[in-house]
mmCIF file of all heavy atoms, coordinates in Angstrom:
data_MODEL
# 
_entry.id   MODEL 
# 
loop_
_atom_site.group_PDB 
_atom_site.id 
_atom_site.type_symbol 
_atom_site.label_atom_id 
_atom_site.label_alt_id 
_atom_site.label_comp_id 
_atom_site.label_asym_id 
_atom_site.label_entity_id 
_atom_site.label_seq_id 
_atom_site.pdbx_PDB_ins_code 
_atom_site.Cartn_x 
_atom_site.Cartn_y 
_atom_site.Cartn_z 
_atom_site.occupancy 
_atom_site.B_iso_or_equiv 
_atom_site.pdbx_formal_charge 
_atom_site.auth_seq_id 
_atom_site.auth_comp_id 
_atom_site.auth_asym_id 
_atom_site.auth_atom_id 
_atom_site.pdbx_PDB_model_num 
ATOM 1   N N   . VAL A 1 1  ? 61.384 55.395 153.484 1.00 0.00 ? 1  VAL A N   1 
ATOM 2   C CA  . VAL A 1 1  ? 62.450 55.383 154.476 1.00 0.00 ? 1  VAL A CA  1 
ATOM 3   C C   . VAL A 1 1  ? 63.701 56.085 153.923 1.00 0.00 ? 1  VAL A C   1 
ATOM 4   O O   . VAL A 1 1  ? 64.357 56.882 154.605 1.00 0.00 ? 1  VAL A O   1 
ATOM 5   C CB  . VAL A 1 1  ? 62.788 53.936 154.901 1.00 0.00 ? 1  VAL A CB  1 
ATOM 6   C CG1 . VAL A 1 1  ? 64.045 53.882 155.738 1.00 0.00 ? 1  VAL A CG1 1 
ATOM 7   C CG2 . VAL A 1 1  ? 61.626 53.339 155.659 1.00 0.00 ? 1  VAL A CG2 1 
ATOM 8   N N   . VAL A 1 2  ? 64.003 55.784 152.688 1.00 0.00 ? 2  VAL A N   1 
ATOM 9   C CA  . VAL A 1 2  ? 65.162 56.431 152.049 1.00 0.00 ? 2  VAL A CA  1 
ATOM 10  C C   . VAL A 1 2  ? 64.974 57.938 151.992 1.00 0.00 ? 2  VAL A C   1 
ATOM 11  O O   . VAL A 1 2  ? 65.899 58.734 152.266 1.00 0.00 ? 2  VAL A O   1 
ATOM 12  C CB  . VAL A 1 2  ? 65.407 55.857 150.642 1.00 0.00 ? 2  VAL A CB  1 
ATOM 13  C CG1 . VAL A 1 2  ? 66.467 56.644 149.906 1.00 0.00 ? 2  VAL A CG1 1 
ATOM 14  C CG2 . VAL A 1 2  ? 65.811 54.375 150.748 1.00 0.00 ? 2  VAL A CG2 1 
ATOM 15  N N   . SER A 1 3  ? 63.758 58.385 151.662 1.00 0.00 ? 3  SER A N   1 
ATOM 16  C CA  . SER A 1 3  ? 63.490 59.819 151.585 1.00 0.00 ? 3  SER A CA  1 
ATOM 17  C C   . SER A 1 3  ? 63.632 60.485 152.963 1.00 0.00 ? 3  SER A C   1 
ATOM 18  O O   . SER A 1 3  ? 64.244 61.563 153.092 1.00 0.00 ? 3  SER A O   1 
ATOM 19  C CB  . SER A 1 3  ? 62.053 60.054 151.060 1.00 0.00 ? 3  SER A CB  1 
ATOM 20  O OG  . SER A 1 3  ? 61.911 59.493 149.780 1.00 0.00 ? 3  SER A OG  1 
ATOM 21  N N   . VAL A 1 4  ? 63.098 59.843 154.006 1.00 0.00 ? 4  VAL A N   1 
ATOM 22  C CA  . VAL A 1 4  ? 63.218 60.404 155.337 1.00 0.00 ? 4  VAL A CA  1 
ATOM 23  C C   . VAL A 1 4  ? 64.677 60.430 155.808 1.00 0.00 ? 4  VAL A C   1 
ATOM 24  O O   . VAL A 1 4  ? 65.128 61.379 156.428 1.00 0.00 ? 4  VAL A O   1 
ATOM 25  C CB  . VAL A 1 4  ? 62.334 59.590 156.330 1.00 0.00 ? 4  VAL A CB  1 
ATOM 26  C CG1 . VAL A 1 4  ? 62.590 60.026 157.758 1.00 0.00 ? 4  VAL A CG1 1 
ATOM 27  C CG2 . VAL A 1 4  ? 60.869 59.756 155.995 1.00 0.00 ? 4  VAL A CG2 1 
ATOM 28  N N   . ALA A 1 5  ? 65.409 59.362 155.490 1.00 0.00 ? 5  ALA A N   1 
ATOM 29  C CA  . ALA A 1 5  ? 66.818 59.287 155.905 1.00 0.00 ? 5  ALA A CA  1 
ATOM 30  C C   . ALA A 1 5  ? 67.664 60.359 155.234 1.00 0.00 ? 5  ALA A C   1 
ATOM 31  O O   . ALA A 1 5  ? 68.670 60.822 155.776 1.00 0.00 ? 5  ALA A O   1 
ATOM 32  C CB  . ALA A 1 5  ? 67.365 57.907 155.602 1.00 0.00 ? 5  ALA A CB  1 
ATOM 33  N N   . LEU A 1 6  ? 67.291 60.743 154.030 1.00 0.00 ? 6  LEU A N   1 
ATOM 34  C CA  . LEU A 1 6  ? 68.091 61.733 153.288 1.00 0.00 ? 6  LEU A CA  1 
ATOM 35  C C   . LEU A 1 6  ? 67.671 63.174 153.572 1.00 0.00 ? 6  LEU A C   1 
ATOM 36  O O   . LEU A 1 6  ? 68.343 64.112 153.138 1.00 0.00 ? 6  LEU A O   1 
ATOM 37  C CB  . LEU A 1 6  ? 67.972 61.459 151.785 1.00 0.00 ? 6  LEU A CB  1 
ATOM 38  C CG  . LEU A 1 6  ? 68.632 60.171 151.270 1.00 0.00 ? 6  LEU A CG  1 
ATOM 39  C CD1 . LEU A 1 6  ? 68.402 60.032 149.778 1.00 0.00 ? 6  LEU A CD1 1 
ATOM 40  C CD2 . LEU A 1 6  ? 70.132 60.189 151.575 1.00 0.00 ? 6  LEU A CD2 1 
ATOM 41  N N   . MET A 1 7  ? 66.560 63.340 154.266 1.00 0.00 ? 7  MET A N   1 
ATOM 42  C CA  . MET A 1 7  ? 66.127 64.708 154.563 1.00 0.00 ? 7  MET A CA  1 
ATOM 43  C C   . MET A 1 7  ? 67.110 65.492 155.431 1.00 0.00 ? 7  MET A C   1 
ATOM 44  O O   . MET A 1 7  ? 67.478 66.634 155.093 1.00 0.00 ? 7  MET A O   1 
ATOM 45  C CB  . MET A 1 7  ? 64.737 64.686 155.207 1.00 0.00 ? 7  MET A CB  1 
ATOM 46  C CG  . MET A 1 7  ? 63.606 64.389 154.213 1.00 0.00 ? 7  MET A CG  1 
ATOM 47  S SD  . MET A 1 7  ? 62.028 64.210 155.028 1.00 0.00 ? 7  MET A SD  1 
ATOM 48  C CE  . MET A 1 7  ? 61.811 65.854 155.695 1.00 0.00 ? 7  MET A CE  1 
ATOM 49  N N   . PRO A 1 8  ? 67.593 64.928 156.593 1.00 0.00 ? 8  PRO A N   1 
ATOM 50  C CA  . PRO A 1 8  ? 68.550 65.736 157.416 1.00 0.00 ? 8  PRO A CA  1 
ATOM 51  C C   . PRO A 1 8  ? 69.855 66.055 156.677 1.00 0.00 ? 8  PRO A C   1 
ATOM 52  O O   . PRO A 1 8  ? 70.306 67.196 156.713 1.00 0.00 ? 8  PRO A O   1 
ATOM 53  C CB  . PRO A 1 8  ? 68.801 64.812 158.638 1.00 0.00 ? 8  PRO A CB  1 
ATOM 54  C CG  . PRO A 1 8  ? 67.571 63.973 158.718 1.00 0.00 ? 8  PRO A CG  1 
ATOM 55  C CD  . PRO A 1 8  ? 67.170 63.738 157.308 1.00 0.00 ? 8  PRO A CD  1 
ATOM 56  N N   . PRO A 1 9  ? 70.501 65.060 156.002 1.00 0.00 ? 9  PRO A N   1 
ATOM 57  C CA  . PRO A 1 9  ? 71.705 65.412 155.240 1.00 0.00 ? 9  PRO A CA  1 
ATOM 58  C C   . PRO A 1 9  ? 71.415 66.494 154.173 1.00 0.00 ? 9  PRO A C   1 
ATOM 59  O O   . PRO A 1 9  ? 72.240 67.375 153.920 1.00 0.00 ? 9  PRO A O   1 
ATOM 60  C CB  . PRO A 1 9  ? 72.127 64.099 154.594 1.00 0.00 ? 9  PRO A CB  1 
ATOM 61  C CG  . PRO A 1 9  ? 71.540 63.043 155.454 1.00 0.00 ? 9  PRO A CG  1 
ATOM 62  C CD  . PRO A 1 9  ? 70.250 63.601 155.963 1.00 0.00 ? 9  PRO A CD  1 
ATOM 63  N N   . THR A 1 10 ? 70.264 66.396 153.551 1.00 0.00 ? 10 THR A N   1 
ATOM 64  C CA  . THR A 1 10 ? 69.909 67.408 152.544 1.00 0.00 ? 10 THR A CA  1 
ATOM 65  C C   . THR A 1 10 ? 69.759 68.761 153.185 1.00 0.00 ? 10 THR A C   1 
ATOM 66  O O   . THR A 1 10 ? 70.200 69.802 152.601 1.00 0.00 ? 10 THR A O   1 
ATOM 67  C CB  . THR A 1 10 ? 68.612 66.996 151.827 1.00 0.00 ? 10 THR A CB  1 
ATOM 68  O OG1 . THR A 1 10 ? 68.749 65.706 151.254 1.00 0.00 ? 10 THR A OG1 1 
ATOM 69  C CG2 . THR A 1 10 ? 68.256 68.000 150.756 1.00 0.00 ? 10 THR A CG2 1 
ATOM 70  N N   . LEU A 1 11 ? 69.152 68.801 154.380 1.00 0.00 ? 11 LEU A N   1 
ATOM 71  C CA  . LEU A 1 11 ? 68.999 70.080 155.076 1.00 0.00 ? 11 LEU A CA  1 
ATOM 72  C C   . LEU A 1 11 ? 70.367 70.692 155.425 1.00 0.00 ? 11 LEU A C   1 
ATOM 73  O O   . LEU A 1 11 ? 70.577 71.884 155.218 1.00 0.00 ? 11 LEU A O   1 
ATOM 74  C CB  . LEU A 1 11 ? 68.173 69.858 156.357 1.00 0.00 ? 11 LEU A CB  1 
ATOM 75  C CG  . LEU A 1 11 ? 67.979 71.103 157.230 1.00 0.00 ? 11 LEU A CG  1 
ATOM 76  C CD1 . LEU A 1 11 ? 67.212 72.195 156.467 1.00 0.00 ? 11 LEU A CD1 1 
ATOM 77  C CD2 . LEU A 1 11 ? 67.235 70.715 158.512 1.00 0.00 ? 11 LEU A CD2 1 
ATOM 78  N N   . ILE A 1 12 ? 71.289 69.859 155.976 1.00 0.00 ? 12 ILE A N   1 
ATOM 79  C CA  . ILE A 1 12 ? 72.623 70.368 156.317 1.00 0.00 ? 12 ILE A CA  1 
ATOM 80  C C   . ILE A 1 12 ? 73.341 70.882 155.078 1.00 0.00 ? 12 ILE A C   1 
ATOM 81  O O   . ILE A 1 12 ? 73.968 71.956 155.077 1.00 0.00 ? 12 ILE A O   1 
ATOM 82  C CB  . ILE A 1 12 ? 73.415 69.254 157.002 1.00 0.00 ? 12 ILE A CB  1 
ATOM 83  C CG1 . ILE A 1 12 ? 72.789 68.878 158.336 1.00 0.00 ? 12 ILE A CG1 1 
ATOM 84  C CG2 . ILE A 1 12 ? 74.874 69.684 157.224 1.00 0.00 ? 12 ILE A CG2 1 
ATOM 85  C CD1 . ILE A 1 12 ? 73.390 67.678 159.032 1.00 0.00 ? 12 ILE A CD1 1 
ATOM 86  N N   . ALA A 1 13 ? 73.272 70.081 154.005 1.00 0.00 ? 13 ALA A N   1 
ATOM 87  C CA  . ALA A 1 13 ? 73.940 70.502 152.758 1.00 0.00 ? 13 ALA A CA  1 
ATOM 88  C C   . ALA A 1 13 ? 73.331 71.781 152.217 1.00 0.00 ? 13 ALA A C   1 
ATOM 89  O O   . ALA A 1 13 ? 74.051 72.647 151.650 1.00 0.00 ? 13 ALA A O   1 
ATOM 90  C CB  . ALA A 1 13 ? 73.867 69.375 151.714 1.00 0.00 ? 13 ALA A CB  1 
ATOM 91  N N   . SER A 1 14 ? 72.033 71.935 152.370 1.00 0.00 ? 14 SER A N   1 
ATOM 92  C CA  . SER A 1 14 ? 71.352 73.154 151.874 1.00 0.00 ? 14 SER A CA  1 
ATOM 93  C C   . SER A 1 14 ? 71.798 74.356 152.663 1.00 0.00 ? 14 SER A C   1 
ATOM 94  O O   . SER A 1 14 ? 72.011 75.457 152.113 1.00 0.00 ? 14 SER A O   1 
ATOM 95  C CB  . SER A 1 14 ? 69.835 72.966 151.953 1.00 0.00 ? 14 SER A CB  1 
ATOM 96  O OG  . SER A 1 14 ? 69.439 71.882 151.171 1.00 0.00 ? 14 SER A OG  1 
ATOM 97  N N   . ILE A 1 15 ? 71.899 74.194 154.003 1.00 0.00 ? 15 ILE A N   1 
ATOM 98  C CA  . ILE A 1 15 ? 72.285 75.332 154.842 1.00 0.00 ? 15 ILE A CA  1 
ATOM 99  C C   . ILE A 1 15 ? 73.671 75.812 154.480 1.00 0.00 ? 15 ILE A C   1 
ATOM 100 O O   . ILE A 1 15 ? 73.910 77.008 154.294 1.00 0.00 ? 15 ILE A O   1 
ATOM 101 C CB  . ILE A 1 15 ? 72.207 74.944 156.335 1.00 0.00 ? 15 ILE A CB  1 
ATOM 102 C CG1 . ILE A 1 15 ? 70.745 74.724 156.746 1.00 0.00 ? 15 ILE A CG1 1 
ATOM 103 C CG2 . ILE A 1 15 ? 72.836 76.015 157.209 1.00 0.00 ? 15 ILE A CG2 1 
ATOM 104 C CD1 . ILE A 1 15 ? 70.567 74.194 158.129 1.00 0.00 ? 15 ILE A CD1 1 
ATOM 105 N N   . TYR A 1 16 ? 74.610 74.871 154.413 1.00 0.00 ? 16 TYR A N   1 
ATOM 106 C CA  . TYR A 1 16 ? 76.000 75.282 154.161 1.00 0.00 ? 16 TYR A CA  1 
ATOM 107 C C   . TYR A 1 16 ? 76.277 75.492 152.674 1.00 0.00 ? 16 TYR A C   1 
ATOM 108 O O   . TYR A 1 16 ? 77.420 75.733 152.283 1.00 0.00 ? 16 TYR A O   1 
ATOM 109 C CB  . TYR A 1 16 ? 76.958 74.287 154.778 1.00 0.00 ? 16 TYR A CB  1 
ATOM 110 C CG  . TYR A 1 16 ? 76.906 74.317 156.273 1.00 0.00 ? 16 TYR A CG  1 
ATOM 111 C CD1 . TYR A 1 16 ? 76.321 73.300 156.992 1.00 0.00 ? 16 TYR A CD1 1 
ATOM 112 C CD2 . TYR A 1 16 ? 77.407 75.419 156.983 1.00 0.00 ? 16 TYR A CD2 1 
ATOM 113 C CE1 . TYR A 1 16 ? 76.231 73.358 158.351 1.00 0.00 ? 16 TYR A CE1 1 
ATOM 114 C CE2 . TYR A 1 16 ? 77.341 75.478 158.360 1.00 0.00 ? 16 TYR A CE2 1 
ATOM 115 C CZ  . TYR A 1 16 ? 76.751 74.436 159.051 1.00 0.00 ? 16 TYR A CZ  1 
ATOM 116 O OH  . TYR A 1 16 ? 76.663 74.486 160.416 1.00 0.00 ? 16 TYR A OH  1 
ATOM 117 N N   . GLY A 1 17 ? 75.271 75.335 151.868 1.00 0.00 ? 17 GLY A N   1 
ATOM 118 C CA  . GLY A 1 17 ? 75.433 75.664 150.470 1.00 0.00 ? 17 GLY A CA  1 
ATOM 119 C C   . GLY A 1 17 ? 75.001 77.064 150.138 1.00 0.00 ? 17 GLY A C   1 
ATOM 120 O O   . GLY A 1 17 ? 75.075 77.519 148.992 1.00 0.00 ? 17 GLY A O   1 
ATOM 121 N N   . MET A 1 18 ? 74.475 77.798 151.163 1.00 0.00 ? 18 MET A N   1 
ATOM 122 C CA  . MET A 1 18 ? 74.075 79.200 150.953 1.00 0.00 ? 18 MET A CA  1 
ATOM 123 C C   . MET A 1 18 ? 75.286 80.117 150.868 1.00 0.00 ? 18 MET A C   1 
ATOM 124 O O   . MET A 1 18 ? 76.331 79.829 151.463 1.00 0.00 ? 18 MET A O   1 
ATOM 125 C CB  . MET A 1 18 ? 73.155 79.620 152.097 1.00 0.00 ? 18 MET A CB  1 
ATOM 126 C CG  . MET A 1 18 ? 71.829 78.833 152.116 1.00 0.00 ? 18 MET A CG  1 
ATOM 127 S SD  . MET A 1 18 ? 70.665 79.439 153.390 1.00 0.00 ? 18 MET A SD  1 
ATOM 128 C CE  . MET A 1 18 ? 71.531 78.998 154.882 1.00 0.00 ? 18 MET A CE  1 
ATOM 129 N N   . ASN A 1 19 ? 75.131 81.208 150.211 1.00 0.00 ? 19 ASN A N   1 
ATOM 130 C CA  . ASN A 1 19 ? 76.286 82.118 149.916 1.00 0.00 ? 19 ASN A CA  1 
ATOM 131 C C   . ASN A 1 19 ? 76.163 83.431 150.685 1.00 0.00 ? 19 ASN A C   1 
ATOM 132 O O   . ASN A 1 19 ? 76.297 84.518 150.131 1.00 0.00 ? 19 ASN A O   1 
ATOM 133 C CB  . ASN A 1 19 ? 76.368 82.411 148.414 1.00 0.00 ? 19 ASN A CB  1 
ATOM 134 C CG  . ASN A 1 19 ? 76.725 81.178 147.620 1.00 0.00 ? 19 ASN A CG  1 
ATOM 135 O OD1 . ASN A 1 19 ? 77.562 80.379 148.059 1.00 0.00 ? 19 ASN A OD1 1 
ATOM 136 N ND2 . ASN A 1 19 ? 76.094 80.993 146.467 1.00 0.00 ? 19 ASN A ND2 1 
ATOM 137 N N   . PHE A 1 20 ? 75.828 83.348 152.002 1.00 0.00 ? 20 PHE A N   1 
ATOM 138 C CA  . PHE A 1 20 ? 75.810 84.553 152.800 1.00 0.00 ? 20 PHE A CA  1 
ATOM 139 C C   . PHE A 1 20 ? 77.238 84.928 153.216 1.00 0.00 ? 20 PHE A C   1 
ATOM 140 O O   . PHE A 1 20 ? 78.086 84.052 153.418 1.00 0.00 ? 20 PHE A O   1 
ATOM 141 C CB  . PHE A 1 20 ? 74.923 84.354 154.034 1.00 0.00 ? 20 PHE A CB  1 
ATOM 142 C CG  . PHE A 1 20 ? 73.477 84.270 153.702 1.00 0.00 ? 20 PHE A CG  1 
ATOM 143 C CD1 . PHE A 1 20 ? 72.822 83.035 153.778 1.00 0.00 ? 20 PHE A CD1 1 
ATOM 144 C CD2 . PHE A 1 20 ? 72.761 85.393 153.296 1.00 0.00 ? 20 PHE A CD2 1 
ATOM 145 C CE1 . PHE A 1 20 ? 71.484 82.943 153.440 1.00 0.00 ? 20 PHE A CE1 1 
ATOM 146 C CE2 . PHE A 1 20 ? 71.404 85.279 152.971 1.00 0.00 ? 20 PHE A CE2 1 
ATOM 147 C CZ  . PHE A 1 20 ? 70.768 84.080 153.045 1.00 0.00 ? 20 PHE A CZ  1 
ATOM 148 N N   . LYS A 1 21 ? 77.473 86.223 153.392 1.00 0.00 ? 21 LYS A N   1 
ATOM 149 C CA  . LYS A 1 21 ? 78.829 86.689 153.686 1.00 0.00 ? 21 LYS A CA  1 
ATOM 150 C C   . LYS A 1 21 ? 79.224 86.314 155.127 1.00 0.00 ? 21 LYS A C   1 
ATOM 151 O O   . LYS A 1 21 ? 80.374 85.924 155.378 1.00 0.00 ? 21 LYS A O   1 
ATOM 152 C CB  . LYS A 1 21 ? 78.896 88.209 153.520 1.00 0.00 ? 21 LYS A CB  1 
ATOM 153 C CG  . LYS A 1 21 ? 80.296 88.781 153.748 1.00 0.00 ? 21 LYS A CG  1 
ATOM 154 C CD  . LYS A 1 21 ? 80.302 90.278 153.456 1.00 0.00 ? 21 LYS A CD  1 
ATOM 155 C CE  . LYS A 1 21 ? 81.722 90.823 153.659 1.00 0.00 ? 21 LYS A CE  1 
ATOM 156 N NZ  . LYS A 1 21 ? 81.781 92.262 153.376 1.00 0.00 ? 21 LYS A NZ  1 
ATOM 157 N N   . THR A 1 22 ? 78.287 86.415 156.069 1.00 0.00 ? 22 THR A N   1 
ATOM 158 C CA  . THR A 1 22 ? 78.598 86.134 157.473 1.00 0.00 ? 22 THR A CA  1 
ATOM 159 C C   . THR A 1 22 ? 78.077 84.731 157.817 1.00 0.00 ? 22 THR A C   1 
ATOM 160 O O   . THR A 1 22 ? 76.881 84.531 158.094 1.00 0.00 ? 22 THR A O   1 
ATOM 161 C CB  . THR A 1 22 ? 77.956 87.169 158.395 1.00 0.00 ? 22 THR A CB  1 
ATOM 162 O OG1 . THR A 1 22 ? 78.391 88.468 157.999 1.00 0.00 ? 22 THR A OG1 1 
ATOM 163 C CG2 . THR A 1 22 ? 78.332 86.916 159.841 1.00 0.00 ? 22 THR A CG2 1 
ATOM 164 N N   . MET A 1 23 ? 78.934 83.748 157.757 1.00 0.00 ? 23 MET A N   1 
ATOM 165 C CA  . MET A 1 23 ? 78.636 82.394 158.174 1.00 0.00 ? 23 MET A CA  1 
ATOM 166 C C   . MET A 1 23 ? 79.846 81.887 158.968 1.00 0.00 ? 23 MET A C   1 
ATOM 167 O O   . MET A 1 23 ? 80.867 81.507 158.373 1.00 0.00 ? 23 MET A O   1 
ATOM 168 C CB  . MET A 1 23 ? 78.363 81.497 156.968 1.00 0.00 ? 23 MET A CB  1 
ATOM 169 C CG  . MET A 1 23 ? 77.105 81.843 156.196 1.00 0.00 ? 23 MET A CG  1 
ATOM 170 S SD  . MET A 1 23 ? 76.735 80.696 154.864 1.00 0.00 ? 23 MET A SD  1 
ATOM 171 C CE  . MET A 1 23 ? 76.313 79.243 155.792 1.00 0.00 ? 23 MET A CE  1 
ATOM 172 N N   . PRO A 1 24 ? 79.786 81.926 160.308 1.00 0.00 ? 24 PRO A N   1 
ATOM 173 C CA  . PRO A 1 24 ? 80.966 81.616 161.127 1.00 0.00 ? 24 PRO A CA  1 
ATOM 174 C C   . PRO A 1 24 ? 81.524 80.216 160.858 1.00 0.00 ? 24 PRO A C   1 
ATOM 175 O O   . PRO A 1 24 ? 82.758 80.016 160.945 1.00 0.00 ? 24 PRO A O   1 
ATOM 176 C CB  . PRO A 1 24 ? 80.414 81.688 162.571 1.00 0.00 ? 24 PRO A CB  1 
ATOM 177 C CG  . PRO A 1 24 ? 79.213 82.573 162.463 1.00 0.00 ? 24 PRO A CG  1 
ATOM 178 C CD  . PRO A 1 24 ? 78.621 82.340 161.134 1.00 0.00 ? 24 PRO A CD  1 
ATOM 179 N N   . GLU A 1 25 ? 80.672 79.262 160.539 1.00 0.00 ? 25 GLU A N   1 
ATOM 180 C CA  . GLU A 1 25 ? 81.147 77.911 160.365 1.00 0.00 ? 25 GLU A CA  1 
ATOM 181 C C   . GLU A 1 25 ? 82.109 77.755 159.177 1.00 0.00 ? 25 GLU A C   1 
ATOM 182 O O   . GLU A 1 25 ? 82.884 76.810 159.083 1.00 0.00 ? 25 GLU A O   1 
ATOM 183 C CB  . GLU A 1 25 ? 79.964 76.956 160.154 1.00 0.00 ? 25 GLU A CB  1 
ATOM 184 C CG  . GLU A 1 25 ? 79.065 76.817 161.363 1.00 0.00 ? 25 GLU A CG  1 
ATOM 185 C CD  . GLU A 1 25 ? 77.996 77.882 161.383 1.00 0.00 ? 25 GLU A CD  1 
ATOM 186 O OE1 . GLU A 1 25 ? 78.077 78.772 160.531 1.00 0.00 ? 25 GLU A OE1 1 
ATOM 187 O OE2 . GLU A 1 25 ? 77.105 77.842 162.224 1.00 0.00 ? 25 GLU A OE2 1 
ATOM 188 N N   . LEU A 1 26 ? 82.076 78.735 158.259 1.00 0.00 ? 26 LEU A N   1 
ATOM 189 C CA  . LEU A 1 26 ? 82.951 78.654 157.094 1.00 0.00 ? 26 LEU A CA  1 
ATOM 190 C C   . LEU A 1 26 ? 84.409 78.832 157.498 1.00 0.00 ? 26 LEU A C   1 
ATOM 191 O O   . LEU A 1 26 ? 85.313 78.431 156.743 1.00 0.00 ? 26 LEU A O   1 
ATOM 192 C CB  . LEU A 1 26 ? 82.548 79.701 156.045 1.00 0.00 ? 26 LEU A CB  1 
ATOM 193 C CG  . LEU A 1 26 ? 81.191 79.542 155.397 1.00 0.00 ? 26 LEU A CG  1 
ATOM 194 C CD1 . LEU A 1 26 ? 80.914 80.688 154.435 1.00 0.00 ? 26 LEU A CD1 1 
ATOM 195 C CD2 . LEU A 1 26 ? 81.057 78.200 154.687 1.00 0.00 ? 26 LEU A CD2 1 
ATOM 196 N N   . GLU A 1 27 ? 84.660 79.434 158.649 1.00 0.00 ? 27 GLU A N   1 
ATOM 197 C CA  . GLU A 1 27 ? 86.029 79.649 159.104 1.00 0.00 ? 27 GLU A CA  1 
ATOM 198 C C   . GLU A 1 27 ? 86.537 78.524 159.978 1.00 0.00 ? 27 GLU A C   1 
ATOM 199 O O   . GLU A 1 27 ? 87.691 78.528 160.396 1.00 0.00 ? 27 GLU A O   1 
ATOM 200 C CB  . GLU A 1 27 ? 86.108 80.978 159.903 1.00 0.00 ? 27 GLU A CB  1 
ATOM 201 C CG  . GLU A 1 27 ? 85.640 82.199 159.116 1.00 0.00 ? 27 GLU A CG  1 
ATOM 202 C CD  . GLU A 1 27 ? 86.511 82.457 157.914 1.00 0.00 ? 27 GLU A CD  1 
ATOM 203 O OE1 . GLU A 1 27 ? 87.735 82.106 157.952 1.00 0.00 ? 27 GLU A OE1 1 
ATOM 204 O OE2 . GLU A 1 27 ? 86.020 82.977 156.871 1.00 0.00 ? 27 GLU A OE2 1 
# 
């Protein structure tokens, strides 16, 4: 259960941890 519960937060953190130049959400 803990692993499943942490999967979505981990996915969000992974997405916004990427270093692409064009990421609108960064602004």
